[in-house]
Amino acid sequence: TGQFSTDGNNGLVYTASLDNNGMKYAVRIQA
């Protein structure tokens, strides 16, 4: 379960946690 947000004016960041054990993670993409 997570959500997207913008990362500056040229990127995205997705933050979430796994449903079963709550481990948090983040993925960033910039172009």
All heavy atoms as atom14 arrays in JSON, in Angstrom:
{
  "sequence": "TGQFSTDGNNGLVYTASLDNNGMKYAVRIQA",
  "atom14_mask": [
    [1, 1, 1, 1, 1, 1, 1, 0, 0, 0, 0, 0, 0, 0],
    [1, 1, 1, 1, 0, 0, 0, 0, 0, 0, 0, 0, 0, 0],
    [1, 1, 1, 1, 1, 1, 1, 1, 1, 0, 0, 0, 0, 0],
    [1, 1, 1, 1, 1, 1, 1, 1, 1, 1, 1, 0, 0, 0],
    [1, 1, 1, 1, 1, 1, 0, 0, 0, 0, 0, 0, 0, 0],
    [1, 1, 1, 1, 1, 1, 1, 0, 0, 0, 0, 0, 0, 0],
    [1, 1, 1, 1, 1, 1, 1, 1, 0, 0, 0, 0, 0, 0],
    [1, 1, 1, 1, 0, 0, 0, 0, 0, 0, 0, 0, 0, 0],
    [1, 1, 1, 1, 1, 1, 1, 1, 0, 0, 0, 0, 0, 0],
    [1, 1, 1, 1, 1, 1, 1, 1, 0, 0, 0, 0, 0, 0],
    [1, 1, 1, 1, 0, 0, 0, 0, 0, 0, 0, 0, 0, 0],
    [1, 1, 1, 1, 1, 1, 1, 1, 0, 0, 0, 0, 0, 0],
    [1, 1, 1, 1, 1, 1, 1, 0, 0, 0, 0, 0, 0, 0],
    [1, 1, 1, 1, 1, 1, 1, 1, 1, 1, 1, 1, 0, 0],
    [1, 1, 1, 1, 1, 1, 1, 0, 0, 0, 0, 0, 0, 0],
    [1, 1, 1, 1, 1, 0, 0, 0, 0, 0, 0, 0, 0, 0],
    [1, 1, 1, 1, 1, 1, 0, 0, 0, 0, 0, 0, 0, 0],
    [1, 1, 1, 1, 1, 1, 1, 1, 0, 0, 0, 0, 0, 0],
    [1, 1, 1, 1, 1, 1, 1, 1, 0, 0, 0, 0, 0, 0],
    [1, 1, 1, 1, 1, 1, 1, 1, 0, 0, 0, 0, 0, 0],
    [1, 1, 1, 1, 1, 1, 1, 1, 0, 0, 0, 0, 0, 0],
    [1, 1, 1, 1, 0, 0, 0, 0, 0, 0, 0, 0, 0, 0],
    [1, 1, 1, 1, 1, 1, 1, 1, 0, 0, 0, 0, 0, 0],
    [1, 1, 1, 1, 1, 1, 1, 1, 1, 0, 0, 0, 0, 0],
    [1, 1, 1, 1, 1, 1, 1, 1, 1, 1, 1, 1, 0, 0],
    [1, 1, 1, 1, 1, 0, 0, 0, 0, 0, 0, 0, 0, 0],
    [1, 1, 1, 1, 1, 1, 1, 0, 0, 0, 0, 0, 0, 0],
    [1, 1, 1, 1, 1, 1, 1, 1, 1, 1, 1, 0, 0, 0],
    [1, 1, 1, 1, 1, 1, 1, 1, 0, 0, 0, 0, 0, 0],
    [1, 1, 1, 1, 1, 1, 1, 1, 1, 0, 0, 0, 0, 0],
    [1, 1, 1, 1, 1, 0, 0, 0, 0, 0, 0, 0, 0, 0]
  ],
  "atom14_positions": [
    [[0.85, -1.18, 0.0], [0.0, 0.0, 0.0], [0.89, 1.23, 0.0], [1.78, 1.36, 0.84], [-0.9, 0.02, 1.25], [-1.64, -1.21, 1.3], [-1.85, 1.2, 1.21], [0.0, 0.0, 0.0], [0.0, 0.0, 0.0], [0.0, 0.0, 0.0], [0.0, 0.0, 0.0], [0.0, 0.0, 0.0], [0.0, 0.0, 0.0], [0.0, 0.0, 0.0]],
    [[0.65, 2.14, -0.97], [1.51, 3.32, -1.05], [0.9, 4.42, -1.87], [-0.27, 4.37, -2.24], [0.0, 0.0, 0.0], [0.0, 0.0, 0.0], [0.0, 0.0, 0.0], [0.0, 0.0, 0.0], [0.0, 0.0, 0.0], [0.0, 0.0, 0.0], [0.0, 0.0, 0.0], [0.0, 0.0, 0.0], [0.0, 0.0, 0.0], [0.0, 0.0, 0.0]],
    [[1.72, 5.42, -2.17], [1.24, 6.58, -2.93], [2.36, 7.21, -3.73], [3.54, 7.12, -3.39], [0.66, 7.61, -1.96], [1.66, 8.16, -0.96], [1.03, 9.12, 0.03], [-0.18, 9.24, 0.12], [1.88, 9.84, 0.78], [0.0, 0.0, 0.0], [0.0, 0.0, 0.0], [0.0, 0.0, 0.0], [0.0, 0.0, 0.0], [0.0, 0.0, 0.0]],
    [[1.96, 7.88, -4.82], [2.88, 8.64, -5.66], [2.92, 10.09, -5.21], [1.94, 10.65, -4.71], [2.42, 8.63, -7.12], [2.72, 7.36, -7.85], [1.72, 6.44, -8.13], [4.01, 7.09, -8.28], [2.0, 5.27, -8.8], [4.3, 5.93, -8.98], [3.29, 5.02, -9.24], [0.0, 0.0, 0.0], [0.0, 0.0, 0.0], [0.0, 0.0, 0.0]],
    [[4.07, 10.71, -5.42], [4.17, 12.17, -5.31], [5.24, 12.62, -6.29], [6.04, 11.82, -6.78], [4.53, 12.6, -3.88], [5.76, 12.03, -3.48], [0.0, 0.0, 0.0], [0.0, 0.0, 0.0], [0.0, 0.0, 0.0], [0.0, 0.0, 0.0], [0.0, 0.0, 0.0], [0.0, 0.0, 0.0], [0.0, 0.0, 0.0], [0.0, 0.0, 0.0]],
    [[5.22, 13.91, -6.61], [6.23, 14.43, -7.53], [7.56, 14.61, -6.8], [7.6, 14.83, -5.59], [5.78, 15.77, -8.13], [5.54, 16.69, -7.05], [4.53, 15.6, -8.97], [0.0, 0.0, 0.0], [0.0, 0.0, 0.0], [0.0, 0.0, 0.0], [0.0, 0.0, 0.0], [0.0, 0.0, 0.0], [0.0, 0.0, 0.0], [0.0, 0.0, 0.0]],
    [[8.64, 14.5, -7.54], [9.98, 14.67, -7.0], [10.65, 15.77, -7.82], [11.21, 15.51, -8.89], [10.76, 13.36, -7.1], [12.05, 13.37, -6.29], [12.21, 14.29, -5.47], [12.88, 12.47, -6.48], [0.0, 0.0, 0.0], [0.0, 0.0, 0.0], [0.0, 0.0, 0.0], [0.0, 0.0, 0.0], [0.0, 0.0, 0.0], [0.0, 0.0, 0.0]],
    [[10.52, 17.02, -7.32], [10.98, 18.15, -8.12], [10.08, 18.35, -9.31], [8.9, 17.97, -9.31], [0.0, 0.0, 0.0], [0.0, 0.0, 0.0], [0.0, 0.0, 0.0], [0.0, 0.0, 0.0], [0.0, 0.0, 0.0], [0.0, 0.0, 0.0], [0.0, 0.0, 0.0], [0.0, 0.0, 0.0], [0.0, 0.0, 0.0], [0.0, 0.0, 0.0]],
    [[10.62, 18.93, -10.38], [9.8, 19.17, -11.58], [10.04, 18.14, -12.68], [9.52, 18.28, -13.78], [10.06, 20.58, -12.12], [11.53, 20.81, -12.45], [12.32, 19.86, -12.44], [11.88, 22.05, -12.73], [0.0, 0.0, 0.0], [0.0, 0.0, 0.0], [0.0, 0.0, 0.0], [0.0, 0.0, 0.0], [0.0, 0.0, 0.0], [0.0, 0.0, 0.0]],
    [[10.84, 17.1, -12.37], [11.13, 16.12, -13.42], [11.17, 14.68, -12.89], [11.74, 13.81, -13.53], [12.47, 16.44, -14.09], [13.64, 16.3, -13.13], [13.48, 16.41, -11.92], [14.82, 16.07, -13.68], [0.0, 0.0, 0.0], [0.0, 0.0, 0.0], [0.0, 0.0, 0.0], [0.0, 0.0, 0.0], [0.0, 0.0, 0.0], [0.0, 0.0, 0.0]],
    [[10.55, 14.45, -11.72], [10.63, 13.11, -11.17], [9.4, 12.69, -10.4], [8.48, 13.49, -10.14], [0.0, 0.0, 0.0], [0.0, 0.0, 0.0], [0.0, 0.0, 0.0], [0.0, 0.0, 0.0], [0.0, 0.0, 0.0], [0.0, 0.0, 0.0], [0.0, 0.0, 0.0], [0.0, 0.0, 0.0], [0.0, 0.0, 0.0], [0.0, 0.0, 0.0]],
    [[9.39, 11.39, -10.03], [8.32, 10.82, -9.22], [8.96, 10.04, -8.08], [10.07, 9.52, -8.2], [7.47, 9.85, -10.04], [6.76, 10.38, -11.28], [6.14, 9.21, -12.05], [5.68, 11.39, -10.89], [0.0, 0.0, 0.0], [0.0, 0.0, 0.0], [0.0, 0.0, 0.0], [0.0, 0.0, 0.0], [0.0, 0.0, 0.0], [0.0, 0.0, 0.0]],
    [[8.23, 9.95, -6.98], [8.65, 9.08, -5.89], [7.43, 8.29, -5.43], [6.34, 8.84, -5.29], [9.29, 9.87, -4.73], [8.33, 10.91, -4.16], [9.75, 8.92, -3.63], [0.0, 0.0, 0.0], [0.0, 0.0, 0.0], [0.0, 0.0, 0.0], [0.0, 0.0, 0.0], [0.0, 0.0, 0.0], [0.0, 0.0, 0.0], [0.0, 0.0, 0.0]],
    [[7.63, 6.98, -5.28], [6.56, 6.12, -4.79], [7.0, 5.58, -3.44], [8.05, 4.93, -3.32], [6.29, 4.98, -5.76], [5.16, 4.08, -5.34], [3.84, 4.52, -5.42], [5.39, 2.8, -4.83], [2.79, 3.7, -5.02], [4.34, 1.98, -4.43], [3.04, 2.44, -4.53], [2.0, 1.64, -4.12], [0.0, 0.0, 0.0], [0.0, 0.0, 0.0]],
    [[6.21, 5.83, -2.41], [6.5, 5.33, -1.07], [5.41, 4.36, -0.66], [4.22, 4.61, -0.9], [6.58, 6.48, -0.05], [5.37, 7.24, -0.11], [7.76, 7.38, -0.34], [0.0, 0.0, 0.0], [0.0, 0.0, 0.0], [0.0, 0.0, 0.0], [0.0, 0.0, 0.0], [0.0, 0.0, 0.0], [0.0, 0.0, 0.0], [0.0, 0.0, 0.0]],
    [[5.81, 3.25, -0.02], [4.83, 2.22, 0.31], [5.37, 1.33, 1.42], [6.52, 1.45, 1.85], [4.52, 1.39, -0.92], [0.0, 0.0, 0.0], [0.0, 0.0, 0.0], [0.0, 0.0, 0.0], [0.0, 0.0, 0.0], [0.0, 0.0, 0.0], [0.0, 0.0, 0.0], [0.0, 0.0, 0.0], [0.0, 0.0, 0.0], [0.0, 0.0, 0.0]],
    [[4.51, 0.41, 1.86], [4.93, -0.64, 2.79], [4.24, -1.93, 2.39], [3.11, -1.91, 1.89], [4.59, -0.27, 4.24], [3.19, -0.07, 4.37], [0.0, 0.0, 0.0], [0.0, 0.0, 0.0], [0.0, 0.0, 0.0], [0.0, 0.0, 0.0], [0.0, 0.0, 0.0], [0.0, 0.0, 0.0], [0.0, 0.0, 0.0], [0.0, 0.0, 0.0]],
    [[4.93, -3.04, 2.58], [4.36, -4.33, 2.23], [3.19, -4.65, 3.15], [3.21, -4.35, 4.34], [5.41, -5.43, 2.34], [6.6, -5.35, 1.37], [7.52, -6.55, 1.57], [6.13, -5.29, -0.07], [0.0, 0.0, 0.0], [0.0, 0.0, 0.0], [0.0, 0.0, 0.0], [0.0, 0.0, 0.0], [0.0, 0.0, 0.0], [0.0, 0.0, 0.0]],
    [[2.17, -5.29, 2.59], [0.96, -5.58, 3.37], [1.21, -6.59, 4.48], [0.63, -6.5, 5.55], [-0.14, -6.11, 2.44], [-0.62, -5.05, 1.45], [-0.42, -3.86, 1.74], [-1.18, -5.44, 0.41], [0.0, 0.0, 0.0], [0.0, 0.0, 0.0], [0.0, 0.0, 0.0], [0.0, 0.0, 0.0], [0.0, 0.0, 0.0], [0.0, 0.0, 0.0]],
    [[2.1, -7.57, 4.25], [2.21, -8.66, 5.23], [3.12, -8.33, 6.4], [2.82, -8.69, 7.53], [2.63, -9.97, 4.55], [3.94, -9.83, 3.8], [4.57, -8.79, 3.8], [4.35, -10.91, 3.15], [0.0, 0.0, 0.0], [0.0, 0.0, 0.0], [0.0, 0.0, 0.0], [0.0, 0.0, 0.0], [0.0, 0.0, 0.0], [0.0, 0.0, 0.0]],
    [[4.26, -7.68, 6.17], [5.16, -7.43, 7.3], [5.47, -5.95, 7.52], [6.29, -5.6, 8.39], [6.47, -8.21, 7.14], [7.29, -7.76, 5.95], [6.93, -6.81, 5.27], [8.39, -8.44, 5.7], [0.0, 0.0, 0.0], [0.0, 0.0, 0.0], [0.0, 0.0, 0.0], [0.0, 0.0, 0.0], [0.0, 0.0, 0.0], [0.0, 0.0, 0.0]],
    [[4.85, -5.08, 6.72], [5.01, -3.64, 6.94], [6.34, -3.06, 6.52], [6.63, -1.89, 6.82], [0.0, 0.0, 0.0], [0.0, 0.0, 0.0], [0.0, 0.0, 0.0], [0.0, 0.0, 0.0], [0.0, 0.0, 0.0], [0.0, 0.0, 0.0], [0.0, 0.0, 0.0], [0.0, 0.0, 0.0], [0.0, 0.0, 0.0], [0.0, 0.0, 0.0]],
    [[7.17, -3.83, 5.82], [8.47, -3.31, 5.41], [8.29, -2.12, 4.46], [7.6, -2.23, 3.44], [9.31, -4.38, 4.72], [10.72, -3.92, 4.39], [11.82, -5.28, 3.88], [11.18, -5.64, 2.25], [0.0, 0.0, 0.0], [0.0, 0.0, 0.0], [0.0, 0.0, 0.0], [0.0, 0.0, 0.0], [0.0, 0.0, 0.0], [0.0, 0.0, 0.0]],
    [[8.9, -1.0, 4.79], [8.75, 0.21, 3.99], [9.75, 0.22, 2.84], [10.86, -0.3, 2.95], [8.97, 1.45, 4.86], [7.92, 1.63, 5.95], [8.22, 2.86, 6.81], [7.16, 3.01, 7.91], [7.47, 4.17, 8.79], [0.0, 0.0, 0.0], [0.0, 0.0, 0.0], [0.0, 0.0, 0.0], [0.0, 0.0, 0.0], [0.0, 0.0, 0.0]],
    [[9.31, 0.82, 1.73], [10.23, 0.97, 0.6], [9.9, 2.24, -0.17], [8.81, 2.82, -0.03], [10.22, -0.26, -0.3], [8.94, -0.49, -1.08], [8.8, -0.01, -2.39], [7.89, -1.23, -0.55], [7.66, -0.24, -3.12], [6.74, -1.48, -1.28], [6.63, -0.99, -2.57], [5.49, -1.22, -3.29], [0.0, 0.0, 0.0], [0.0, 0.0, 0.0]],
    [[10.86, 2.67, -0.96], [10.68, 3.86, -1.79], [11.32, 3.63, -3.14], [12.38, 2.99, -3.24], [11.29, 5.08, -1.11], [0.0, 0.0, 0.0], [0.0, 0.0, 0.0], [0.0, 0.0, 0.0], [0.0, 0.0, 0.0], [0.0, 0.0, 0.0], [0.0, 0.0, 0.0], [0.0, 0.0, 0.0], [0.0, 0.0, 0.0], [0.0, 0.0, 0.0]],
    [[10.69, 4.14, -4.18], [11.22, 4.08, -5.54], [11.19, 5.49, -6.11], [10.14, 6.15, -6.09], [10.38, 3.14, -6.45], [10.96, 3.1, -7.86], [10.31, 1.74, -5.85], [0.0, 0.0, 0.0], [0.0, 0.0, 0.0], [0.0, 0.0, 0.0], [0.0, 0.0, 0.0], [0.0, 0.0, 0.0], [0.0, 0.0, 0.0], [0.0, 0.0, 0.0]],
    [[12.32, 5.96, -6.59], [12.41, 7.29, -7.22], [12.79, 7.15, -8.68], [13.66, 6.34, -9.04], [13.47, 8.16, -6.53], [13.09, 8.62, -5.15], [14.18, 9.51, -4.54], [13.87, 9.78, -3.14], [13.14, 10.8, -2.72], [12.65, 11.68, -3.6], [12.9, 10.97, -1.43], [0.0, 0.0, 0.0], [0.0, 0.0, 0.0], [0.0, 0.0, 0.0]],
    [[12.14, 7.96, -9.52], [12.46, 8.02, -10.94], [12.62, 9.48, -11.32], [11.76, 10.31, -10.99], [11.34, 7.41, -11.82], [10.99, 5.99, -11.36], [11.75, 7.42, -13.29], [9.68, 5.9, -10.64], [0.0, 0.0, 0.0], [0.0, 0.0, 0.0], [0.0, 0.0, 0.0], [0.0, 0.0, 0.0], [0.0, 0.0, 0.0], [0.0, 0.0, 0.0]],
    [[13.73, 9.81, -11.94], [13.9, 11.15, -12.5], [14.3, 11.03, -13.95], [14.95, 10.06, -14.36], [14.98, 11.94, -11.73], [14.46, 12.58, -10.46], [15.37, 13.68, -9.95], [16.19, 14.22, -10.7], [15.23, 14.02, -8.67], [0.0, 0.0, 0.0], [0.0, 0.0, 0.0], [0.0, 0.0, 0.0], [0.0, 0.0, 0.0], [0.0, 0.0, 0.0]],
    [[13.9, 12.03, -14.74], [14.24, 12.04, -16.15], [14.87, 13.38, -16.51], [14.5, 14.42, -15.97], [12.98, 11.81, -17.0], [0.0, 0.0, 0.0], [0.0, 0.0, 0.0], [0.0, 0.0, 0.0], [0.0, 0.0, 0.0], [0.0, 0.0, 0.0], [0.0, 0.0, 0.0], [0.0, 0.0, 0.0], [0.0, 0.0, 0.0], [0.0, 0.0, 0.0]]
  ]
}
